[in-house]
Amino acid sequence: MAQYGEEFLRTRPLKPRTRLEYQRVFDTKIVPTLGEVGLHRLTPASVRAWYATLDPAHPTRRAHAYSLLRTICNAAIADDLISTNPCRIRGAGNTRAVREVTIATLPELEAIVTAMPERLRPMVLLAAWCGLRFGELAGLTRADLDLQAATVTVRRAVVRLPGEFIAGDPKSAAGKRTVAIPPHLLDELDWHLDHHVLAPDDSPMFSRYDAGYGGYIPLYSLHKAFWPAREAAGRPDLHFHDLRHTGATLAAATGATLADLMARIGHSTPAMALRYQHAVHGRDQQIAAALSGFAQGKVIALNARSVTG
């Protein structure tokens, strides 16, 4: 298993960050127990015994380890090294959200933006209103913003590896996309371009320091500003990635279809997009009122704008 797994990781076309994560999981979760086991000696029983050694207090890590082992075994089947996959534990590769996301309300979002340093405010706005991931934001350049067309184009995403930052393709093929910018953001973005971004088209929109200095902005530099800002908004539980949930949920509340959401937030499968369709506070009351309207022979339209306050 150790020998074949190393060959699998070395030869597969993986993104650098994915390769690093797979290697870590393989080295720490699979090799210590199964590394010296011959592939042909792996059985459903031995896989169950190995799975039982994984800490259930960390369900996501456990699921990732199982999924990687299953993937390696599938590759071994394709290479005619084994005839069947011994990984047959139902649901073991599935992960469930470990925390319930409560999206930011518009007053909370406004408070966060106000508390952020001026040069980082557009990161919050583009995450919340356009559904961009942190890595996508970190990879934006001046040329990616077209304020006349009111669009932002995601062409790359930045990931951090030990000792370096790498700008590569977004998380998925659907991640490369052009997103319409809500008009109320355009003045703020225009100001940002004038005051915090260098003139060349390839100048980064956001960097470690102001006006392109210091290279790509690391996540911890954003957190140094974002964590106090979320406290100021009374939302110490809010993660930066939750702003993406907020944007997708507000888009859904406008009546956007699932296909619209998939295109806007850059997901290639409906299942992933559905994860972002959280219930908006107060929406259920409006639905109930609309249902009563039906009972009384009336049609009560849902006001999409009112669900965001």
C-alpha atoms as a PDB file:
ATOM      1  CA  MET A   1       0.000   0.000   0.000  1.00  0.00           C
ATOM      2  CA  ALA A   2       2.780   2.466   0.876  1.00  0.00           C
ATOM      3  CA  GLN A   3       4.599   1.860  -2.401  1.00  0.00           C
ATOM      4  CA  TYR A   4       1.500   1.992  -4.596  1.00  0.00           C
ATOM      5  CA  GLY A   5       0.031   4.980  -2.764  1.00  0.00           C
ATOM      6  CA  GLU A   6       3.218   7.003  -3.260  1.00  0.00           C
ATOM      7  CA  GLU A   7       3.165   6.167  -6.957  1.00  0.00           C
ATOM      8  CA  PHE A   8      -0.503   7.143  -7.144  1.00  0.00           C
ATOM      9  CA  LEU A   9       0.169  10.544  -5.570  1.00  0.00           C
ATOM     10  CA  ARG A  10       3.238  11.157  -7.720  1.00  0.00           C
ATOM     11  CA  THR A  11       1.605  10.438 -11.062  1.00  0.00           C
ATOM     12  CA  ARG A  12      -1.899  11.859 -10.668  1.00  0.00           C
ATOM     13  CA  PRO A  13      -2.589  15.350 -12.136  1.00  0.00           C
ATOM     14  CA  LEU A  14      -3.397  17.080  -8.844  1.00  0.00           C
ATOM     15  CA  LYS A  15      -3.288  20.746  -7.924  1.00  0.00           C
ATOM     16  CA  PRO A  16      -0.336  21.586  -5.628  1.00  0.00           C
ATOM     17  CA  ARG A  17      -2.497  22.243  -2.575  1.00  0.00           C
ATOM     18  CA  THR A  18      -4.517  19.058  -3.161  1.00  0.00           C
ATOM     19  CA  ARG A  19      -1.351  17.005  -3.604  1.00  0.00           C
ATOM     20  CA  LEU A  20       0.052  18.398  -0.361  1.00  0.00           C
ATOM     21  CA  GLU A  21      -3.153  17.583   1.526  1.00  0.00           C
ATOM     22  CA  TYR A  22      -3.428  14.075   0.055  1.00  0.00           C
ATOM     23  CA  GLN A  23       0.187  13.387   0.972  1.00  0.00           C
ATOM     24  CA  ARG A  24      -0.401  14.540   4.543  1.00  0.00           C
ATOM     25  CA  VAL A  25      -3.474  12.325   4.915  1.00  0.00           C
ATOM     26  CA  PHE A  26      -1.697   9.359   3.332  1.00  0.00           C
ATOM     27  CA  ASP A  27       1.394   9.714   5.529  1.00  0.00           C
ATOM     28  CA  THR A  28      -0.456  10.234   8.814  1.00  0.00           C
ATOM     29  CA  LYS A  29      -3.671   8.209   8.467  1.00  0.00           C
ATOM     30  CA  ILE A  30      -3.035   5.359   6.031  1.00  0.00           C
ATOM     31  CA  VAL A  31       0.658   4.427   6.055  1.00  0.00           C
ATOM     32  CA  PRO A  32       1.066   3.863   9.832  1.00  0.00           C
ATOM     33  CA  THR A  33      -1.521   1.050   9.821  1.00  0.00           C
ATOM     34  CA  LEU A  34      -1.791  -0.165   6.230  1.00  0.00           C
ATOM     35  CA  GLY A  35       1.493   0.895   4.648  1.00  0.00           C
ATOM     36  CA  GLU A  36       3.117  -2.546   4.864  1.00  0.00           C
ATOM     37  CA  VAL A  37      -0.012  -4.461   3.857  1.00  0.00           C
ATOM     38  CA  GLY A  38      -0.006  -5.936   0.360  1.00  0.00           C
ATOM     39  CA  LEU A  39      -2.767  -4.572  -1.854  1.00  0.00           C
ATOM     40  CA  HIS A  40      -4.081  -8.067  -2.540  1.00  0.00           C
ATOM     41  CA  ARG A  41      -4.308  -8.697   1.214  1.00  0.00           C
ATOM     42  CA  LEU A  42      -6.615  -5.756   1.881  1.00  0.00           C
ATOM     43  CA  THR A  43     -10.092  -7.022   2.788  1.00  0.00           C
ATOM     44  CA  PRO A  44     -13.318  -5.322   3.840  1.00  0.00           C
ATOM     45  CA  ALA A  45     -12.623  -6.584   7.370  1.00  0.00           C
ATOM     46  CA  SER A  46      -9.124  -5.104   7.495  1.00  0.00           C
ATOM     47  CA  VAL A  47     -10.411  -1.797   6.127  1.00  0.00           C
ATOM     48  CA  ARG A  48     -13.137  -1.723   8.802  1.00  0.00           C
ATOM     49  CA  ALA A  49     -10.520  -2.449  11.476  1.00  0.00           C
ATOM     50  CA  TRP A  50      -8.343   0.392  10.155  1.00  0.00           C
ATOM     51  CA  TYR A  51     -11.308   2.752   9.947  1.00  0.00           C
ATOM     52  CA  ALA A  52     -12.128   2.018  13.584  1.00  0.00           C
ATOM     53  CA  THR A  53      -8.696   3.338  14.603  1.00  0.00           C
ATOM     54  CA  LEU A  54      -9.461   6.793  13.152  1.00  0.00           C
ATOM     55  CA  ASP A  55     -10.574   9.319  15.748  1.00  0.00           C
ATOM     56  CA  PRO A  56     -14.378   9.793  15.497  1.00  0.00           C
ATOM     57  CA  ALA A  57     -13.960  13.175  17.193  1.00  0.00           C
ATOM     58  CA  HIS A  58     -12.620  14.411  13.839  1.00  0.00           C
ATOM     59  CA  PRO A  59     -15.253  13.187  11.358  1.00  0.00           C
ATOM     60  CA  THR A  60     -14.028  15.294   8.436  1.00  0.00           C
ATOM     61  CA  ARG A  61     -10.455  14.027   8.704  1.00  0.00           C
ATOM     62  CA  ARG A  62     -11.782  10.499   9.074  1.00  0.00           C
ATOM     63  CA  ALA A  63     -13.930  10.825   5.947  1.00  0.00           C
ATOM     64  CA  HIS A  64     -11.060  12.306   3.936  1.00  0.00           C
ATOM     65  CA  ALA A  65      -8.758   9.453   4.908  1.00  0.00           C
ATOM     66  CA  TYR A  66     -11.343   6.848   3.953  1.00  0.00           C
ATOM     67  CA  SER A  67     -12.094   8.586   0.649  1.00  0.00           C
ATOM     68  CA  LEU A  68      -8.409   8.697  -0.236  1.00  0.00           C
ATOM     69  CA  LEU A  69      -7.955   4.993   0.527  1.00  0.00           C
ATOM     70  CA  ARG A  70     -11.009   4.165  -1.578  1.00  0.00           C
ATOM     71  CA  THR A  71      -9.679   6.272  -4.458  1.00  0.00           C
ATOM     72  CA  ILE A  72      -6.286   4.569  -4.309  1.00  0.00           C
ATOM     73  CA  CYS A  73      -7.960   1.166  -4.345  1.00  0.00           C
ATOM     74  CA  ASN A  74     -10.082   2.164  -7.345  1.00  0.00           C
ATOM     75  CA  ALA A  75      -6.873   3.101  -9.145  1.00  0.00           C
ATOM     76  CA  ALA A  76      -5.417  -0.298  -8.218  1.00  0.00           C
ATOM     77  CA  ILE A  77      -8.460  -1.967  -9.807  1.00  0.00           C
ATOM     78  CA  ALA A  78      -7.899   0.038 -12.989  1.00  0.00           C
ATOM     79  CA  ASP A  79      -4.254  -1.118 -12.943  1.00  0.00           C
ATOM     80  CA  ASP A  80      -5.373  -4.768 -12.613  1.00  0.00           C
ATOM     81  CA  LEU A  81      -3.639  -5.119  -9.239  1.00  0.00           C
ATOM     82  CA  ILE A  82      -6.817  -6.045  -7.347  1.00  0.00           C
ATOM     83  CA  SER A  83     -10.202  -7.196  -8.598  1.00  0.00           C
ATOM     84  CA  THR A  84     -12.552  -5.497  -6.128  1.00  0.00           C
ATOM     85  CA  ASN A  85     -12.445  -2.507  -3.820  1.00  0.00           C
ATOM     86  CA  PRO A  86     -12.263  -3.515  -0.129  1.00  0.00           C
ATOM     87  CA  CYS A  87     -13.597  -0.097   0.970  1.00  0.00           C
ATOM     88  CA  ARG A  88     -17.280  -0.873   1.451  1.00  0.00           C
ATOM     89  CA  ILE A  89     -18.293   1.039   4.576  1.00  0.00           C
ATOM     90  CA  ARG A  90     -21.536   2.809   3.673  1.00  0.00           C
ATOM     91  CA  GLY A  91     -21.345   6.575   4.171  1.00  0.00           C
ATOM     92  CA  ALA A  92     -17.777   6.546   5.525  1.00  0.00           C
ATOM     93  CA  GLY A  93     -16.574   8.996   2.899  1.00  0.00           C
ATOM     94  CA  ASN A  94     -19.356  11.497   3.504  1.00  0.00           C
ATOM     95  CA  THR A  95     -18.789  14.604   5.575  1.00  0.00           C
ATOM     96  CA  ARG A  96     -21.396  16.580   7.424  1.00  0.00           C
ATOM     97  CA  ALA A  97     -21.135  20.214   8.362  1.00  0.00           C
ATOM     98  CA  VAL A  98     -19.707  20.505  11.843  1.00  0.00           C
ATOM     99  CA  ARG A  99     -21.160  23.964  12.411  1.00  0.00           C
ATOM    100  CA  GLU A 100     -24.401  25.616  11.456  1.00  0.00           C
ATOM    101  CA  VAL A 101     -23.811  28.745   9.405  1.00  0.00           C
ATOM    102  CA  THR A 102     -25.929  31.763  10.251  1.00  0.00           C
ATOM    103  CA  ILE A 103     -25.536  34.224   7.425  1.00  0.00           C
ATOM    104  CA  ALA A 104     -24.806  37.887   8.040  1.00  0.00           C
ATOM    105  CA  THR A 105     -27.678  40.344   7.895  1.00  0.00           C
ATOM    106  CA  LEU A 106     -27.252  43.551   5.933  1.00  0.00           C
ATOM    107  CA  PRO A 107     -26.748  45.686   9.080  1.00  0.00           C
ATOM    108  CA  GLU A 108     -24.100  43.218  10.280  1.00  0.00           C
ATOM    109  CA  LEU A 109     -22.421  43.273   6.898  1.00  0.00           C
ATOM    110  CA  GLU A 110     -22.415  47.074   6.899  1.00  0.00           C
ATOM    111  CA  ALA A 111     -20.862  47.096  10.379  1.00  0.00           C
ATOM    112  CA  ILE A 112     -18.130  44.689   9.276  1.00  0.00           C
ATOM    113  CA  VAL A 113     -17.297  46.735   6.187  1.00  0.00           C
ATOM    114  CA  THR A 114     -17.151  49.939   8.232  1.00  0.00           C
ATOM    115  CA  ALA A 115     -14.765  48.362  10.744  1.00  0.00           C
ATOM    116  CA  MET A 116     -12.390  47.010   8.079  1.00  0.00           C
ATOM    117  CA  PRO A 117      -9.348  48.948   6.851  1.00  0.00           C
ATOM    118  CA  GLU A 118     -10.303  50.874   3.736  1.00  0.00           C
ATOM    119  CA  ARG A 119      -8.020  48.864   1.423  1.00  0.00           C
ATOM    120  CA  LEU A 120      -9.646  45.571   2.491  1.00  0.00           C
ATOM    121  CA  ARG A 121     -13.299  46.616   2.434  1.00  0.00           C
ATOM    122  CA  PRO A 122     -13.820  45.473  -1.179  1.00  0.00           C
ATOM    123  CA  MET A 123     -12.711  41.962  -0.185  1.00  0.00           C
ATOM    124  CA  VAL A 124     -15.673  41.772   2.176  1.00  0.00           C
ATOM    125  CA  LEU A 125     -18.034  43.306  -0.364  1.00  0.00           C
ATOM    126  CA  LEU A 126     -17.023  41.000  -3.227  1.00  0.00           C
ATOM    127  CA  ALA A 127     -17.171  37.946  -0.977  1.00  0.00           C
ATOM    128  CA  ALA A 128     -20.634  38.843   0.324  1.00  0.00           C
ATOM    129  CA  TRP A 129     -22.278  40.203  -2.804  1.00  0.00           C
ATOM    130  CA  CYS A 130     -20.503  38.253  -5.570  1.00  0.00           C
ATOM    131  CA  GLY A 131     -19.764  34.974  -3.793  1.00  0.00           C
ATOM    132  CA  LEU A 132     -16.009  34.960  -4.346  1.00  0.00           C
ATOM    133  CA  ARG A 133     -13.730  32.666  -2.333  1.00  0.00           C
ATOM    134  CA  PHE A 134     -10.726  34.087  -0.482  1.00  0.00           C
ATOM    135  CA  GLY A 135      -8.264  32.484  -2.914  1.00  0.00           C
ATOM    136  CA  GLU A 136     -10.164  33.966  -5.856  1.00  0.00           C
ATOM    137  CA  LEU A 137     -10.112  37.410  -4.266  1.00  0.00           C
ATOM    138  CA  ALA A 138      -6.387  37.119  -3.578  1.00  0.00           C
ATOM    139  CA  GLY A 139      -5.809  36.323  -7.253  1.00  0.00           C
ATOM    140  CA  LEU A 140      -7.724  39.284  -8.703  1.00  0.00           C
ATOM    141  CA  THR A 141      -5.895  41.917 -10.725  1.00  0.00           C
ATOM    142  CA  ARG A 142      -6.942  45.316 -12.007  1.00  0.00           C
ATOM    143  CA  ALA A 143      -7.763  43.772 -15.391  1.00  0.00           C
ATOM    144  CA  ASP A 144     -10.277  41.412 -13.796  1.00  0.00           C
ATOM    145  CA  LEU A 145     -12.556  44.288 -12.830  1.00  0.00           C
ATOM    146  CA  ASP A 146     -14.648  45.887 -15.574  1.00  0.00           C
ATOM    147  CA  LEU A 147     -16.614  48.657 -13.916  1.00  0.00           C
ATOM    148  CA  GLN A 148     -18.220  49.787 -17.169  1.00  0.00           C
ATOM    149  CA  ALA A 149     -19.718  46.339 -17.658  1.00  0.00           C
ATOM    150  CA  ALA A 150     -20.113  45.959 -13.878  1.00  0.00           C
ATOM    151  CA  THR A 151     -18.401  42.555 -13.823  1.00  0.00           C
ATOM    152  CA  VAL A 152     -15.574  40.795 -12.040  1.00  0.00           C
ATOM    153  CA  THR A 153     -13.884  37.882 -13.821  1.00  0.00           C
ATOM    154  CA  VAL A 154     -12.334  35.048 -11.845  1.00  0.00           C
ATOM    155  CA  ARG A 155      -9.410  33.612 -13.790  1.00  0.00           C
ATOM    156  CA  ARG A 156      -7.182  32.257 -11.024  1.00  0.00           C
ATOM    157  CA  ALA A 157      -7.006  31.449  -7.345  1.00  0.00           C
ATOM    158  CA  VAL A 158      -4.086  31.812  -4.963  1.00  0.00           C
ATOM    159  CA  VAL A 159      -3.116  28.996  -2.622  1.00  0.00           C
ATOM    160  CA  ARG A 160      -0.407  29.027   0.002  1.00  0.00           C
ATOM    161  CA  LEU A 161       2.108  26.203   0.132  1.00  0.00           C
ATOM    162  CA  PRO A 162       5.021  25.918   2.550  1.00  0.00           C
ATOM    163  CA  GLY A 163       7.261  28.865   1.782  1.00  0.00           C
ATOM    164  CA  GLU A 164       5.402  30.168  -1.276  1.00  0.00           C
ATOM    165  CA  PHE A 165       2.165  31.339  -2.839  1.00  0.00           C
ATOM    166  CA  ILE A 166       0.958  29.855  -6.121  1.00  0.00           C
ATOM    167  CA  ALA A 167      -1.634  31.368  -8.460  1.00  0.00           C
ATOM    168  CA  GLY A 168      -3.378  28.606 -10.407  1.00  0.00           C
ATOM    169  CA  ASP A 169      -6.770  27.608 -11.688  1.00  0.00           C
ATOM    170  CA  PRO A 170      -9.779  28.080  -9.387  1.00  0.00           C
ATOM    171  CA  LYS A 171     -11.074  25.235  -7.234  1.00  0.00           C
ATOM    172  CA  SER A 172     -13.098  23.714 -10.072  1.00  0.00           C
ATOM    173  CA  ALA A 173     -13.586  24.247 -13.798  1.00  0.00           C
ATOM    174  CA  ALA A 174     -16.789  26.147 -12.985  1.00  0.00           C
ATOM    175  CA  GLY A 175     -14.708  28.483 -10.826  1.00  0.00           C
ATOM    176  CA  LYS A 176     -13.552  30.360 -13.903  1.00  0.00           C
ATOM    177  CA  ARG A 177     -16.465  32.719 -14.363  1.00  0.00           C
ATOM    178  CA  THR A 178     -17.599  36.287 -14.839  1.00  0.00           C
ATOM    179  CA  VAL A 179     -19.877  37.599 -12.112  1.00  0.00           C
ATOM    180  CA  ALA A 180     -22.148  40.619 -12.362  1.00  0.00           C
ATOM    181  CA  ILE A 181     -21.390  43.198  -9.668  1.00  0.00           C
ATOM    182  CA  PRO A 182     -24.383  44.751  -7.878  1.00  0.00           C
ATOM    183  CA  PRO A 183     -24.467  48.429  -8.916  1.00  0.00           C
ATOM    184  CA  HIS A 184     -24.280  49.755  -5.351  1.00  0.00           C
ATOM    185  CA  LEU A 185     -20.679  48.449  -5.094  1.00  0.00           C
ATOM    186  CA  LEU A 186     -19.295  50.222  -8.147  1.00  0.00           C
ATOM    187  CA  ASP A 187     -18.343  53.547  -6.493  1.00  0.00           C
ATOM    188  CA  GLU A 188     -16.487  51.762  -3.696  1.00  0.00           C
ATOM    189  CA  LEU A 189     -14.613  49.588  -6.198  1.00  0.00           C
ATOM    190  CA  ASP A 190     -13.776  52.599  -8.381  1.00  0.00           C
ATOM    191  CA  TRP A 191     -12.311  54.364  -5.323  1.00  0.00           C
ATOM    192  CA  HIS A 192     -10.311  51.267  -4.469  1.00  0.00           C
ATOM    193  CA  LEU A 193      -8.801  51.103  -7.968  1.00  0.00           C
ATOM    194  CA  ASP A 194      -7.855  54.794  -7.834  1.00  0.00           C
ATOM    195  CA  HIS A 195      -6.312  54.737  -4.365  1.00  0.00           C
ATOM    196  CA  HIS A 196      -5.112  51.220  -3.573  1.00  0.00           C
ATOM    197  CA  VAL A 197      -4.193  49.495  -6.856  1.00  0.00           C
ATOM    198  CA  LEU A 198      -1.234  50.250  -9.111  1.00  0.00           C
ATOM    199  CA  ALA A 199      -1.888  51.307 -12.719  1.00  0.00           C
ATOM    200  CA  PRO A 200      -0.698  48.225 -14.695  1.00  0.00           C
ATOM    201  CA  ASP A 201      -3.435  45.777 -15.633  1.00  0.00           C
ATOM    202  CA  ASP A 202      -1.680  42.910 -13.842  1.00  0.00           C
ATOM    203  CA  SER A 203      -1.493  44.780 -10.523  1.00  0.00           C
ATOM    204  CA  PRO A 204      -3.104  42.809  -7.676  1.00  0.00           C
ATOM    205  CA  MET A 205      -6.397  44.106  -6.350  1.00  0.00           C
ATOM    206  CA  PHE A 206      -5.363  43.077  -2.839  1.00  0.00           C
ATOM    207  CA  SER A 207      -1.904  42.503  -1.406  1.00  0.00           C
ATOM    208  CA  ARG A 208      -0.153  42.057   1.923  1.00  0.00           C
ATOM    209  CA  TYR A 209       0.410  45.798   2.135  1.00  0.00           C
ATOM    210  CA  ASP A 210      -1.195  48.708   0.323  1.00  0.00           C
ATOM    211  CA  ALA A 211      -0.885  49.397  -3.408  1.00  0.00           C
ATOM    212  CA  GLY A 212       0.510  46.030  -4.430  1.00  0.00           C
ATOM    213  CA  TYR A 213       3.403  45.846  -1.979  1.00  0.00           C
ATOM    214  CA  GLY A 214       4.319  42.660  -0.157  1.00  0.00           C
ATOM    215  CA  GLY A 215       2.964  40.204  -2.725  1.00  0.00           C
ATOM    216  CA  TYR A 216      -0.186  38.122  -2.419  1.00  0.00           C
ATOM    217  CA  ILE A 217      -2.256  38.739   0.675  1.00  0.00           C
ATOM    218  CA  PRO A 218      -2.155  35.758   3.070  1.00  0.00           C
ATOM    219  CA  LEU A 219      -5.296  34.673   4.866  1.00  0.00           C
ATOM    220  CA  TYR A 220      -3.862  35.536   8.270  1.00  0.00           C
ATOM    221  CA  SER A 221      -3.361  39.168   7.158  1.00  0.00           C
ATOM    222  CA  LEU A 222      -7.045  39.368   6.267  1.00  0.00           C
ATOM    223  CA  HIS A 223      -8.010  37.726   9.546  1.00  0.00           C
ATOM    224  CA  LYS A 224      -6.073  40.327  11.538  1.00  0.00           C
ATOM    225  CA  ALA A 225      -8.566  42.878  10.227  1.00  0.00           C
ATOM    226  CA  PHE A 226     -11.651  40.693   9.800  1.00  0.00           C
ATOM    227  CA  TRP A 227     -11.766  39.214  13.303  1.00  0.00           C
ATOM    228  CA  PRO A 228     -11.999  42.610  15.093  1.00  0.00           C
ATOM    229  CA  ALA A 229     -14.522  43.748  12.462  1.00  0.00           C
ATOM    230  CA  ARG A 230     -16.829  40.786  13.075  1.00  0.00           C
ATOM    231  CA  GLU A 231     -16.590  41.462  16.810  1.00  0.00           C
ATOM    232  CA  ALA A 232     -17.627  45.055  16.176  1.00  0.00           C
ATOM    233  CA  ALA A 233     -20.655  43.731  14.284  1.00  0.00           C
ATOM    234  CA  GLY A 234     -21.610  41.411  17.138  1.00  0.00           C
ATOM    235  CA  ARG A 235     -20.834  38.310  15.057  1.00  0.00           C
ATOM    236  CA  PRO A 236     -17.756  36.651  16.627  1.00  0.00           C
ATOM    237  CA  ASP A 237     -18.960  33.323  15.150  1.00  0.00           C
ATOM    238  CA  LEU A 238     -18.792  34.522  11.542  1.00  0.00           C
ATOM    239  CA  HIS A 239     -16.061  33.069   9.308  1.00  0.00           C
ATOM    240  CA  PHE A 240     -14.869  34.972   6.262  1.00  0.00           C
ATOM    241  CA  HIS A 241     -16.082  32.109   4.053  1.00  0.00           C
ATOM    242  CA  ASP A 242     -19.552  32.569   5.573  1.00  0.00           C
ATOM    243  CA  LEU A 243     -19.816  35.789   3.566  1.00  0.00           C
ATOM    244  CA  ARG A 244     -19.934  33.593   0.481  1.00  0.00           C
ATOM    245  CA  HIS A 245     -22.857  31.731   2.046  1.00  0.00           C
ATOM    246  CA  THR A 246     -24.481  35.105   2.673  1.00  0.00           C
ATOM    247  CA  GLY A 247     -24.124  36.181  -0.956  1.00  0.00           C
ATOM    248  CA  ALA A 248     -25.441  32.905  -2.352  1.00  0.00           C
ATOM    249  CA  THR A 249     -28.412  32.951   0.002  1.00  0.00           C
ATOM    250  CA  LEU A 250     -29.329  36.527  -0.860  1.00  0.00           C
ATOM    251  CA  ALA A 251     -29.044  35.673  -4.551  1.00  0.00           C
ATOM    252  CA  ALA A 252     -31.402  32.735  -4.020  1.00  0.00           C
ATOM    253  CA  ALA A 253     -33.826  35.057  -2.229  1.00  0.00           C
ATOM    254  CA  THR A 254     -34.074  37.227  -5.343  1.00  0.00           C
ATOM    255  CA  GLY A 255     -35.533  34.270  -7.205  1.00  0.00           C
ATOM    256  CA  ALA A 256     -32.305  33.035  -8.812  1.00  0.00           C
ATOM    257  CA  THR A 257     -32.577  29.488 -10.107  1.00  0.00           C
ATOM    258  CA  LEU A 258     -30.224  26.700  -9.079  1.00  0.00           C
ATOM    259  CA  ALA A 259     -28.445  27.035 -12.438  1.00  0.00           C
ATOM    260  CA  ASP A 260     -28.075  30.786 -11.806  1.00  0.00           C
ATOM    261  CA  LEU A 261     -26.507  30.099  -8.413  1.00  0.00           C
ATOM    262  CA  MET A 262     -24.151  27.470  -9.794  1.00  0.00           C
ATOM    263  CA  ALA A 263     -22.875  29.909 -12.393  1.00  0.00           C
ATOM    264  CA  ARG A 264     -22.581  32.800  -9.940  1.00  0.00           C
ATOM    265  CA  ILE A 265     -20.721  31.046  -7.132  1.00  0.00           C
ATOM    266  CA  GLY A 266     -18.700  28.735  -9.359  1.00  0.00           C
ATOM    267  CA  HIS A 267     -20.005  25.268  -8.519  1.00  0.00           C
ATOM    268  CA  SER A 268     -20.165  22.454 -11.042  1.00  0.00           C
ATOM    269  CA  THR A 269     -22.748  20.318  -9.226  1.00  0.00           C
ATOM    270  CA  PRO A 270     -26.218  21.175  -7.916  1.00  0.00           C
ATOM    271  CA  ALA A 271     -25.468  19.397  -4.626  1.00  0.00           C
ATOM    272  CA  MET A 272     -22.669  21.817  -3.810  1.00  0.00           C
ATOM    273  CA  ALA A 273     -24.722  24.866  -4.768  1.00  0.00           C
ATOM    274  CA  LEU A 274     -27.617  23.706  -2.598  1.00  0.00           C
ATOM    275  CA  ARG A 275     -25.354  23.859   0.467  1.00  0.00           C
ATOM    276  CA  TYR A 276     -25.441  27.642   0.176  1.00  0.00           C
ATOM    277  CA  GLN A 277     -29.204  28.007   0.071  1.00  0.00           C
ATOM    278  CA  HIS A 278     -29.646  28.742   3.758  1.00  0.00           C
ATOM    279  CA  ALA A 279     -32.974  29.899   5.113  1.00  0.00           C
ATOM    280  CA  VAL A 280     -33.088  33.678   5.370  1.00  0.00           C
ATOM    281  CA  HIS A 281     -34.331  35.082   8.668  1.00  0.00           C
ATOM    282  CA  GLY A 282     -37.978  36.094   8.341  1.00  0.00           C
ATOM    283  CA  ARG A 283     -38.500  34.314   5.031  1.00  0.00           C
ATOM    284  CA  ASP A 284     -40.622  31.555   6.536  1.00  0.00           C
ATOM    285  CA  GLN A 285     -43.043  34.130   7.967  1.00  0.00           C
ATOM    286  CA  GLN A 286     -43.457  35.633   4.508  1.00  0.00           C
ATOM    287  CA  ILE A 287     -44.057  32.192   3.035  1.00  0.00           C
ATOM    288  CA  ALA A 288     -46.674  31.505   5.724  1.00  0.00           C
ATOM    289  CA  ALA A 289     -48.397  34.797   4.921  1.00  0.00           C
ATOM    290  CA  ALA A 290     -48.405  33.914   1.236  1.00  0.00           C
ATOM    291  CA  LEU A 291     -49.931  30.517   2.026  1.00  0.00           C
ATOM    292  CA  SER A 292     -52.706  32.211   3.978  1.00  0.00           C
ATOM    293  CA  GLY A 293     -53.293  34.377   0.969  1.00  0.00           C
ATOM    294  CA  PHE A 294     -53.882  31.292  -1.134  1.00  0.00           C
ATOM    295  CA  ALA A 295     -56.363  30.032   1.454  1.00  0.00           C
ATOM    296  CA  GLN A 296     -58.252  33.317   1.167  1.00  0.00           C
ATOM    297  CA  GLY A 297     -58.183  33.336  -2.604  1.00  0.00           C
ATOM    298  CA  LYS A 298     -55.498  36.017  -2.753  1.00  0.00           C
ATOM    299  CA  VAL A 299     -52.009  36.025  -4.228  1.00  0.00           C
ATOM    300  CA  ILE A 300     -49.401  37.634  -1.977  1.00  0.00           C
ATOM    301  CA  ALA A 301     -46.060  38.246  -3.733  1.00  0.00           C
ATOM    302  CA  LEU A 302     -42.928  37.628  -1.732  1.00  0.00           C
ATOM    303  CA  ASN A 303     -40.818  40.765  -1.459  1.00  0.00           C
ATOM    304  CA  ALA A 304     -37.256  39.627  -2.155  1.00  0.00           C
ATOM    305  CA  ARG A 305     -35.746  42.883  -0.870  1.00  0.00           C
ATOM    306  CA  SER A 306     -37.347  42.598   2.541  1.00  0.00           C
ATOM    307  CA  VAL A 307     -35.687  39.286   3.371  1.00  0.00           C
ATOM    308  CA  THR A 308     -32.214  40.760   3.419  1.00  0.00           C
ATOM    309  CA  GLY A 309     -32.622  43.264   6.201  1.00  0.00           C
END
